[in-house]
């Protein structure tokens, strides 16, 4: 089990400018949805963006501290566009 705060800290360690929302989908501390907004995603495809997030959480994923992870990623510009649409 891993806390939402720990998930956020692990992502922040790899993507320091990221704005992160962590949602525990089951309340059990092992099924999460994360929404990450970072300038590090600029120029990268969606798979590459998700790989950055999975890489940040690699240890928790490999030990199954996180059993399931849904990822949404946005550049700041793309995030801004979702807010205005």
PDB file of N, CA and C in Angstrom:
ATOM      1  N   UNK A   1       0.845  -1.177   0.000  1.00  0.00           N
ATOM      2  CA  UNK A   1       0.000   0.000   0.000  1.00  0.00           C
ATOM      3  C   UNK A   1       0.888   1.238   0.000  1.00  0.00           C
ATOM      4  N   UNK A   2       0.452   2.209  -0.730  1.00  0.00           N
ATOM      5  CA  UNK A   2       1.201   3.460  -0.860  1.00  0.00           C
ATOM      6  C   UNK A   2       0.181   4.596  -0.785  1.00  0.00           C
ATOM      7  N   UNK A   3       0.565   5.673  -0.158  1.00  0.00           N
ATOM      8  CA  UNK A   3      -0.374   6.780   0.030  1.00  0.00           C
ATOM      9  C   UNK A   3      -0.414   7.681  -1.206  1.00  0.00           C
ATOM     10  N   UNK A   4      -1.507   8.387  -1.398  1.00  0.00           N
ATOM     11  CA  UNK A   4      -1.567   9.348  -2.504  1.00  0.00           C
ATOM     12  C   UNK A   4      -0.440  10.380  -2.414  1.00  0.00           C
ATOM     13  N   UNK A   5      -0.088  10.773  -1.209  1.00  0.00           N
ATOM     14  CA  UNK A   5       1.017  11.731  -1.016  1.00  0.00           C
ATOM     15  C   UNK A   5       2.325  11.150  -1.532  1.00  0.00           C
ATOM     16  N   UNK A   6       2.574   9.877  -1.262  1.00  0.00           N
ATOM     17  CA  UNK A   6       3.796   9.235  -1.743  1.00  0.00           C
ATOM     18  C   UNK A   6       3.804   9.149  -3.269  1.00  0.00           C
ATOM     19  N   UNK A   7       2.657   8.855  -3.860  1.00  0.00           N
ATOM     20  CA  UNK A   7       2.564   8.810  -5.319  1.00  0.00           C
ATOM     21  C   UNK A   7       2.926  10.174  -5.890  1.00  0.00           C
ATOM     22  N   UNK A   8       2.360  11.217  -5.319  1.00  0.00           N
ATOM     23  CA  UNK A   8       2.650  12.567  -5.788  1.00  0.00           C
ATOM     24  C   UNK A   8       4.135  12.897  -5.633  1.00  0.00           C
ATOM     25  N   UNK A   9       4.723  12.544  -4.509  1.00  0.00           N
ATOM     26  CA  UNK A   9       6.135  12.839  -4.269  1.00  0.00           C
ATOM     27  C   UNK A   9       7.046  12.101  -5.252  1.00  0.00           C
ATOM     28  N   UNK A  10       6.703  10.875  -5.572  1.00  0.00           N
ATOM     29  CA  UNK A  10       7.521  10.107  -6.510  1.00  0.00           C
ATOM     30  C   UNK A  10       7.480  10.738  -7.903  1.00  0.00           C
ATOM     31  N   UNK A  11       6.312  11.189  -8.319  1.00  0.00           N
ATOM     32  CA  UNK A  11       6.195  11.835  -9.628  1.00  0.00           C
ATOM     33  C   UNK A  11       6.937  13.174  -9.612  1.00  0.00           C
ATOM     34  N   UNK A  12       6.780  13.938  -8.526  1.00  0.00           N
ATOM     35  CA  UNK A  12       7.463  15.235  -8.401  1.00  0.00           C
ATOM     36  C   UNK A  12       8.977  15.087  -8.449  1.00  0.00           C
ATOM     37  N   UNK A  13       9.500  13.981  -7.939  1.00  0.00           N
ATOM     38  CA  UNK A  13      10.944  13.758  -7.949  1.00  0.00           C
ATOM     39  C   UNK A  13      11.480  13.667  -9.375  1.00  0.00           C
ATOM     40  N   UNK A  14      10.678  13.134 -10.282  1.00  0.00           N
ATOM     41  CA  UNK A  14      11.097  12.991 -11.679  1.00  0.00           C
ATOM     42  C   UNK A  14      10.650  14.154 -12.552  1.00  0.00           C
ATOM     43  N   UNK A  15       9.515  14.747 -12.200  1.00  0.00           N
ATOM     44  CA  UNK A  15       8.944  15.847 -12.988  1.00  0.00           C
ATOM     45  C   UNK A  15       8.670  17.012 -12.035  1.00  0.00           C
ATOM     46  N   UNK A  16       9.731  17.744 -11.649  1.00  0.00           N
ATOM     47  CA  UNK A  16       9.597  18.750 -10.586  1.00  0.00           C
ATOM     48  C   UNK A  16       8.560  19.840 -10.852  1.00  0.00           C
ATOM     49  N   UNK A  17       8.292  20.148 -12.110  1.00  0.00           N
ATOM     50  CA  UNK A  17       7.340  21.226 -12.392  1.00  0.00           C
ATOM     51  C   UNK A  17       5.898  20.724 -12.475  1.00  0.00           C
ATOM     52  N   UNK A  18       5.703  19.456 -12.273  1.00  0.00           N
ATOM     53  CA  UNK A  18       4.392  18.855 -12.507  1.00  0.00           C
ATOM     54  C   UNK A  18       3.330  19.318 -11.510  1.00  0.00           C
ATOM     55  N   UNK A  19       2.144  19.502 -12.058  1.00  0.00           N
ATOM     56  CA  UNK A  19       0.945  19.657 -11.236  1.00  0.00           C
ATOM     57  C   UNK A  19       0.281  18.288 -11.265  1.00  0.00           C
ATOM     58  N   UNK A  20      -0.007  17.755 -10.100  1.00  0.00           N
ATOM     59  CA  UNK A  20      -0.420  16.353 -10.012  1.00  0.00           C
ATOM     60  C   UNK A  20      -1.697  16.235  -9.196  1.00  0.00           C
ATOM     61  N   UNK A  21      -2.622  15.466  -9.731  1.00  0.00           N
ATOM     62  CA  UNK A  21      -3.820  15.090  -8.980  1.00  0.00           C
ATOM     63  C   UNK A  21      -3.791  13.571  -8.850  1.00  0.00           C
ATOM     64  N   UNK A  22      -3.913  13.081  -7.633  1.00  0.00           N
ATOM     65  CA  UNK A  22      -3.892  11.649  -7.377  1.00  0.00           C
ATOM     66  C   UNK A  22      -5.235  11.251  -6.779  1.00  0.00           C
ATOM     67  N   UNK A  23      -5.859  10.246  -7.388  1.00  0.00           N
ATOM     68  CA  UNK A  23      -7.148   9.759  -6.894  1.00  0.00           C
ATOM     69  C   UNK A  23      -7.019   8.274  -6.580  1.00  0.00           C
ATOM     70  N   UNK A  24      -7.315   7.915  -5.344  1.00  0.00           N
ATOM     71  CA  UNK A  24      -7.328   6.511  -4.936  1.00  0.00           C
ATOM     72  C   UNK A  24      -8.683   5.940  -5.363  1.00  0.00           C
ATOM     73  N   UNK A  25      -8.675   5.073  -6.363  1.00  0.00           N
ATOM     74  CA  UNK A  25      -9.930   4.632  -6.985  1.00  0.00           C
ATOM     75  C   UNK A  25     -10.741   3.668  -6.124  1.00  0.00           C
ATOM     76  N   UNK A  26     -10.087   2.937  -5.229  1.00  0.00           N
ATOM     77  CA  UNK A  26     -10.801   1.934  -4.439  1.00  0.00           C
ATOM     78  C   UNK A  26     -10.749   2.188  -2.938  1.00  0.00           C
ATOM     79  N   UNK A  27      -9.896   3.113  -2.521  1.00  0.00           N
ATOM     80  CA  UNK A  27      -9.711   3.369  -1.095  1.00  0.00           C
ATOM     81  C   UNK A  27      -8.736   2.405  -0.447  1.00  0.00           C
ATOM     82  N   UNK A  28      -8.182   1.502  -1.237  1.00  0.00           N
ATOM     83  CA  UNK A  28      -7.266   0.496  -0.709  1.00  0.00           C
ATOM     84  C   UNK A  28      -5.797   0.865  -0.821  1.00  0.00           C
ATOM     85  N   UNK A  29      -5.498   1.983  -1.477  1.00  0.00           N
ATOM     86  CA  UNK A  29      -4.115   2.431  -1.584  1.00  0.00           C
ATOM     87  C   UNK A  29      -3.291   1.691  -2.609  1.00  0.00           C
ATOM     88  N   UNK A  30      -3.949   1.017  -3.551  1.00  0.00           N
ATOM     89  CA  UNK A  30      -3.163   0.334  -4.581  1.00  0.00           C
ATOM     90  C   UNK A  30      -3.739   0.467  -5.985  1.00  0.00           C
ATOM     91  N   UNK A  31      -4.867   1.152  -6.130  1.00  0.00           N
ATOM     92  CA  UNK A  31      -5.458   1.436  -7.434  1.00  0.00           C
ATOM     93  C   UNK A  31      -5.603   2.958  -7.553  1.00  0.00           C
ATOM     94  N   UNK A  32      -4.811   3.531  -8.424  1.00  0.00           N
ATOM     95  CA  UNK A  32      -4.793   4.987  -8.517  1.00  0.00           C
ATOM     96  C   UNK A  32      -5.077   5.482  -9.922  1.00  0.00           C
ATOM     97  N   UNK A  33      -5.579   6.701  -9.965  1.00  0.00           N
ATOM     98  CA  UNK A  33      -5.628   7.470 -11.201  1.00  0.00           C
ATOM     99  C   UNK A  33      -4.850   8.742 -10.948  1.00  0.00           C
ATOM    100  N   UNK A  34      -3.914   9.051 -11.845  1.00  0.00           N
ATOM    101  CA  UNK A  34      -3.145  10.280 -11.702  1.00  0.00           C
ATOM    102  C   UNK A  34      -3.353  11.141 -12.937  1.00  0.00           C
ATOM    103  N   UNK A  35      -3.479  12.420 -12.703  1.00  0.00           N
ATOM    104  CA  UNK A  35      -3.497  13.407 -13.764  1.00  0.00           C
ATOM    105  C   UNK A  35      -2.263  14.271 -13.558  1.00  0.00           C
ATOM    106  N   UNK A  36      -1.419  14.324 -14.574  1.00  0.00           N
ATOM    107  CA  UNK A  36      -0.136  15.018 -14.458  1.00  0.00           C
ATOM    108  C   UNK A  36      -0.029  16.052 -15.573  1.00  0.00           C
ATOM    109  N   UNK A  37       0.261  17.276 -15.180  1.00  0.00           N
ATOM    110  CA  UNK A  37       0.481  18.374 -16.127  1.00  0.00           C
ATOM    111  C   UNK A  37       1.937  18.802 -15.983  1.00  0.00           C
ATOM    112  N   UNK A  38       2.692  18.730 -17.076  1.00  0.00           N
ATOM    113  CA  UNK A  38       4.117  19.064 -16.997  1.00  0.00           C
ATOM    114  C   UNK A  38       4.628  19.557 -18.342  1.00  0.00           C
ATOM    115  N   UNK A  39       5.527  20.517 -18.278  1.00  0.00           N
ATOM    116  CA  UNK A  39       6.178  20.992 -19.501  1.00  0.00           C
ATOM    117  C   UNK A  39       7.121  19.929 -20.069  1.00  0.00           C
ATOM    118  N   UNK A  40       7.491  18.946 -19.264  1.00  0.00           N
ATOM    119  CA  UNK A  40       8.358  17.867 -19.738  1.00  0.00           C
ATOM    120  C   UNK A  40       7.673  17.016 -20.817  1.00  0.00           C
ATOM    121  N   UNK A  41       6.377  17.134 -20.952  1.00  0.00           N
ATOM    122  CA  UNK A  41       5.638  16.345 -21.940  1.00  0.00           C
ATOM    123  C   UNK A  41       5.637  17.001 -23.322  1.00  0.00           C
ATOM    124  N   UNK A  42       6.085  18.238 -23.401  1.00  0.00           N
ATOM    125  CA  UNK A  42       6.070  18.961 -24.675  1.00  0.00           C
ATOM    126  C   UNK A  42       6.899  18.215 -25.717  1.00  0.00           C
ATOM    127  N   UNK A  43       6.320  18.053 -26.887  1.00  0.00           N
ATOM    128  CA  UNK A  43       7.014  17.404 -27.991  1.00  0.00           C
ATOM    129  C   UNK A  43       7.041  15.886 -27.904  1.00  0.00           C
ATOM    130  N   UNK A  44       6.428  15.329 -26.890  1.00  0.00           N
ATOM    131  CA  UNK A  44       6.411  13.870 -26.729  1.00  0.00           C
ATOM    132  C   UNK A  44       5.015  13.335 -27.039  1.00  0.00           C
ATOM    133  N   UNK A  45       4.979  12.129 -27.550  1.00  0.00           N
ATOM    134  CA  UNK A  45       3.710  11.466 -27.794  1.00  0.00           C
ATOM    135  C   UNK A  45       3.094  10.994 -26.481  1.00  0.00           C
ATOM    136  N   UNK A  46       1.840  10.590 -26.561  1.00  0.00           N
ATOM    137  CA  UNK A  46       1.124  10.165 -25.357  1.00  0.00           C
ATOM    138  C   UNK A  46       1.808   8.975 -24.681  1.00  0.00           C
ATOM    139  N   UNK A  47       2.282   8.022 -25.468  1.00  0.00           N
ATOM    140  CA  UNK A  47       2.959   6.853 -24.885  1.00  0.00           C
ATOM    141  C   UNK A  47       4.224   7.291 -24.149  1.00  0.00           C
ATOM    142  N   UNK A  48       4.986   8.184 -24.749  1.00  0.00           N
ATOM    143  CA  UNK A  48       6.203   8.674 -24.093  1.00  0.00           C
ATOM    144  C   UNK A  48       5.872   9.442 -22.809  1.00  0.00           C
ATOM    145  N   UNK A  49       4.795  10.206 -22.841  1.00  0.00           N
ATOM    146  CA  UNK A  49       4.380  10.937 -21.640  1.00  0.00           C
ATOM    147  C   UNK A  49       4.028   9.961 -20.526  1.00  0.00           C
ATOM    148  N   UNK A  50       3.279   8.933 -20.875  1.00  0.00           N
ATOM    149  CA  UNK A  50       2.881   7.944 -19.864  1.00  0.00           C
ATOM    150  C   UNK A  50       4.089   7.162 -19.359  1.00  0.00           C
ATOM    151  N   UNK A  51       5.050   6.910 -20.242  1.00  0.00           N
ATOM    152  CA  UNK A  51       6.263   6.206 -19.823  1.00  0.00           C
ATOM    153  C   UNK A  51       7.035   7.017 -18.789  1.00  0.00           C
ATOM    154  N   UNK A  52       7.029   8.336 -18.910  1.00  0.00           N
ATOM    155  CA  UNK A  52       7.687   9.174 -17.906  1.00  0.00           C
ATOM    156  C   UNK A  52       7.028   9.007 -16.539  1.00  0.00           C
ATOM    157  N   UNK A  53       5.715   8.966 -16.534  1.00  0.00           N
ATOM    158  CA  UNK A  53       4.998   8.802 -15.263  1.00  0.00           C
ATOM    159  C   UNK A  53       5.226   7.395 -14.704  1.00  0.00           C
ATOM    160  N   UNK A  54       5.096   6.393 -15.565  1.00  0.00           N
ATOM    161  CA  UNK A  54       5.345   5.017 -15.100  1.00  0.00           C
ATOM    162  C   UNK A  54       6.776   4.872 -14.600  1.00  0.00           C
ATOM    163  N   UNK A  55       7.725   5.536 -15.267  1.00  0.00           N
ATOM    164  CA  UNK A  55       9.113   5.482 -14.831  1.00  0.00           C
ATOM    165  C   UNK A  55       9.296   6.071 -13.444  1.00  0.00           C
ATOM    166  N   UNK A  56       8.589   7.159 -13.172  1.00  0.00           N
ATOM    167  CA  UNK A  56       8.674   7.788 -11.852  1.00  0.00           C
ATOM    168  C   UNK A  56       8.135   6.866 -10.765  1.00  0.00           C
ATOM    169  N   UNK A  57       7.177   6.037 -11.134  1.00  0.00           N
ATOM    170  CA  UNK A  57       6.543   5.136 -10.154  1.00  0.00           C
ATOM    171  C   UNK A  57       7.036   3.701 -10.310  1.00  0.00           C
ATOM    172  N   UNK A  58       8.131   3.533 -11.020  1.00  0.00           N
ATOM    173  CA  UNK A  58       8.625   2.204 -11.348  1.00  0.00           C
ATOM    174  C   UNK A  58       8.780   1.266 -10.171  1.00  0.00           C
ATOM    175  N   UNK A  59       9.388   1.747  -9.098  1.00  0.00           N
ATOM    176  CA  UNK A  59       9.605   0.861  -7.953  1.00  0.00           C
ATOM    177  C   UNK A  59       8.273   0.431  -7.331  1.00  0.00           C
ATOM    178  N   UNK A  60       7.362   1.363  -7.194  1.00  0.00           N
ATOM    179  CA  UNK A  60       6.060   1.029  -6.602  1.00  0.00           C
ATOM    180  C   UNK A  60       5.275   0.091  -7.507  1.00  0.00           C
ATOM    181  N   UNK A  61       5.450   0.244  -8.831  1.00  0.00           N
ATOM    182  CA  UNK A  61       4.761  -0.643  -9.764  1.00  0.00           C
ATOM    183  C   UNK A  61       5.381  -2.044  -9.736  1.00  0.00           C
ATOM    184  N   UNK A  62       6.699  -2.112  -9.675  1.00  0.00           N
ATOM    185  CA  UNK A  62       7.361  -3.423  -9.736  1.00  0.00           C
ATOM    186  C   UNK A  62       7.150  -4.236  -8.467  1.00  0.00           C
ATOM    187  N   UNK A  63       6.971  -3.568  -7.350  1.00  0.00           N
ATOM    188  CA  UNK A  63       6.728  -4.293  -6.093  1.00  0.00           C
ATOM    189  C   UNK A  63       5.237  -4.506  -5.849  1.00  0.00           C
ATOM    190  N   UNK A  64       4.411  -4.029  -6.783  1.00  0.00           N
ATOM    191  CA  UNK A  64       2.957  -4.116  -6.703  1.00  0.00           C
ATOM    192  C   UNK A  64       2.374  -3.342  -5.528  1.00  0.00           C
ATOM    193  N   UNK A  65       3.154  -2.358  -5.007  1.00  0.00           N
ATOM    194  CA  UNK A  65       2.572  -1.423  -4.041  1.00  0.00           C
ATOM    195  C   UNK A  65       1.425  -0.677  -4.729  1.00  0.00           C
ATOM    196  N   UNK A  66       1.630  -0.420  -6.029  1.00  0.00           N
ATOM    197  CA  UNK A  66       0.552   0.079  -6.879  1.00  0.00           C
ATOM    198  C   UNK A  66       0.179  -1.066  -7.807  1.00  0.00           C
ATOM    199  N   UNK A  67      -1.052  -1.517  -7.686  1.00  0.00           N
ATOM    200  CA  UNK A  67      -1.511  -2.654  -8.481  1.00  0.00           C
ATOM    201  C   UNK A  67      -2.058  -2.202  -9.836  1.00  0.00           C
ATOM    202  N   UNK A  68      -2.730  -1.065  -9.844  1.00  0.00           N
ATOM    203  CA  UNK A  68      -3.320  -0.553 -11.082  1.00  0.00           C
ATOM    204  C   UNK A  68      -3.165   0.961 -11.107  1.00  0.00           C
ATOM    205  N   UNK A  69      -2.865   1.468 -12.301  1.00  0.00           N
ATOM    206  CA  UNK A  69      -2.635   2.898 -12.442  1.00  0.00           C
ATOM    207  C   UNK A  69      -3.243   3.385 -13.750  1.00  0.00           C
ATOM    208  N   UNK A  70      -4.149   4.338 -13.648  1.00  0.00           N
ATOM    209  CA  UNK A  70      -4.686   5.025 -14.826  1.00  0.00           C
ATOM    210  C   UNK A  70      -3.984   6.375 -14.905  1.00  0.00           C
ATOM    211  N   UNK A  71      -3.513   6.715 -16.086  1.00  0.00           N
ATOM    212  CA  UNK A  71      -2.692   7.917 -16.251  1.00  0.00           C
ATOM    213  C   UNK A  71      -3.323   8.849 -17.276  1.00  0.00           C
ATOM    214  N   UNK A  72      -3.418  10.121 -16.907  1.00  0.00           N
ATOM    215  CA  UNK A  72      -3.800  11.178 -17.845  1.00  0.00           C
ATOM    216  C   UNK A  72      -2.678  12.198 -17.800  1.00  0.00           C
ATOM    217  N   UNK A  73      -2.156  12.560 -18.968  1.00  0.00           N
ATOM    218  CA  UNK A  73      -1.053  13.512 -19.029  1.00  0.00           C
ATOM    219  C   UNK A  73      -1.394  14.655 -19.969  1.00  0.00           C
ATOM    220  N   UNK A  74      -0.886  15.812 -19.603  1.00  0.00           N
ATOM    221  CA  UNK A  74      -1.127  17.017 -20.399  1.00  0.00           C
ATOM    222  C   UNK A  74       0.093  17.921 -20.326  1.00  0.00           C
ATOM    223  N   UNK A  75       0.374  18.609 -21.416  1.00  0.00           N
ATOM    224  CA  UNK A  75       1.287  19.745 -21.326  1.00  0.00           C
ATOM    225  C   UNK A  75       0.483  20.888 -20.698  1.00  0.00           C
ATOM    226  N   UNK A  76       1.146  21.896 -20.181  1.00  0.00           N
ATOM    227  CA  UNK A  76       0.382  23.028 -19.624  1.00  0.00           C
ATOM    228  C   UNK A  76      -0.572  23.641 -20.649  1.00  0.00           C
ATOM    229  N   UNK A  77      -0.138  23.696 -21.908  1.00  0.00           N
ATOM    230  CA  UNK A  77      -0.995  24.271 -22.946  1.00  0.00           C
ATOM    231  C   UNK A  77      -2.227  23.393 -23.204  1.00  0.00           C
ATOM    232  N   UNK A  78      -2.018  22.098 -23.251  1.00  0.00           N
ATOM    233  CA  UNK A  78      -3.142  21.183 -23.470  1.00  0.00           C
ATOM    234  C   UNK A  78      -4.096  21.215 -22.282  1.00  0.00           C
ATOM    235  N   UNK A  79      -3.542  21.329 -21.080  1.00  0.00           N
ATOM    236  CA  UNK A  79      -4.385  21.399 -19.872  1.00  0.00           C
ATOM    237  C   UNK A  79      -5.229  22.670 -19.902  1.00  0.00           C
ATOM    238  N   UNK A  80      -4.605  23.764 -20.306  1.00  0.00           N
ATOM    239  CA  UNK A  80      -5.322  25.037 -20.404  1.00  0.00           C
ATOM    240  C   UNK A  80      -6.469  24.921 -21.402  1.00  0.00           C
ATOM    241  N   UNK A  81      -6.215  24.224 -22.501  1.00  0.00           N
ATOM    242  CA  UNK A  81      -7.249  24.064 -23.526  1.00  0.00           C
ATOM    243  C   UNK A  81      -8.427  23.254 -22.995  1.00  0.00           C
ATOM    244  N   UNK A  82      -8.182  22.277 -22.132  1.00  0.00           N
ATOM    245  CA  UNK A  82      -9.288  21.495 -21.570  1.00  0.00           C
ATOM    246  C   UNK A  82     -10.127  22.343 -20.633  1.00  0.00           C
ATOM    247  N   UNK A  83      -9.486  23.306 -19.978  1.00  0.00           N
ATOM    248  CA  UNK A  83     -10.203  24.166 -19.034  1.00  0.00           C
ATOM    249  C   UNK A  83     -11.128  25.142 -19.749  1.00  0.00           C
ATOM    250  N   UNK A  84     -10.769  25.503 -20.970  1.00  0.00           N
ATOM    251  CA  UNK A  84     -11.569  26.486 -21.697  1.00  0.00           C
ATOM    252  C   UNK A  84     -12.586  25.844 -22.628  1.00  0.00           C
ATOM    253  N   UNK A  85     -12.523  24.529 -22.810  1.00  0.00           N
ATOM    254  CA  UNK A  85     -13.476  23.878 -23.715  1.00  0.00           C
ATOM    255  C   UNK A  85     -14.698  23.379 -22.987  1.00  0.00           C
TER     256      UNK A  85
END
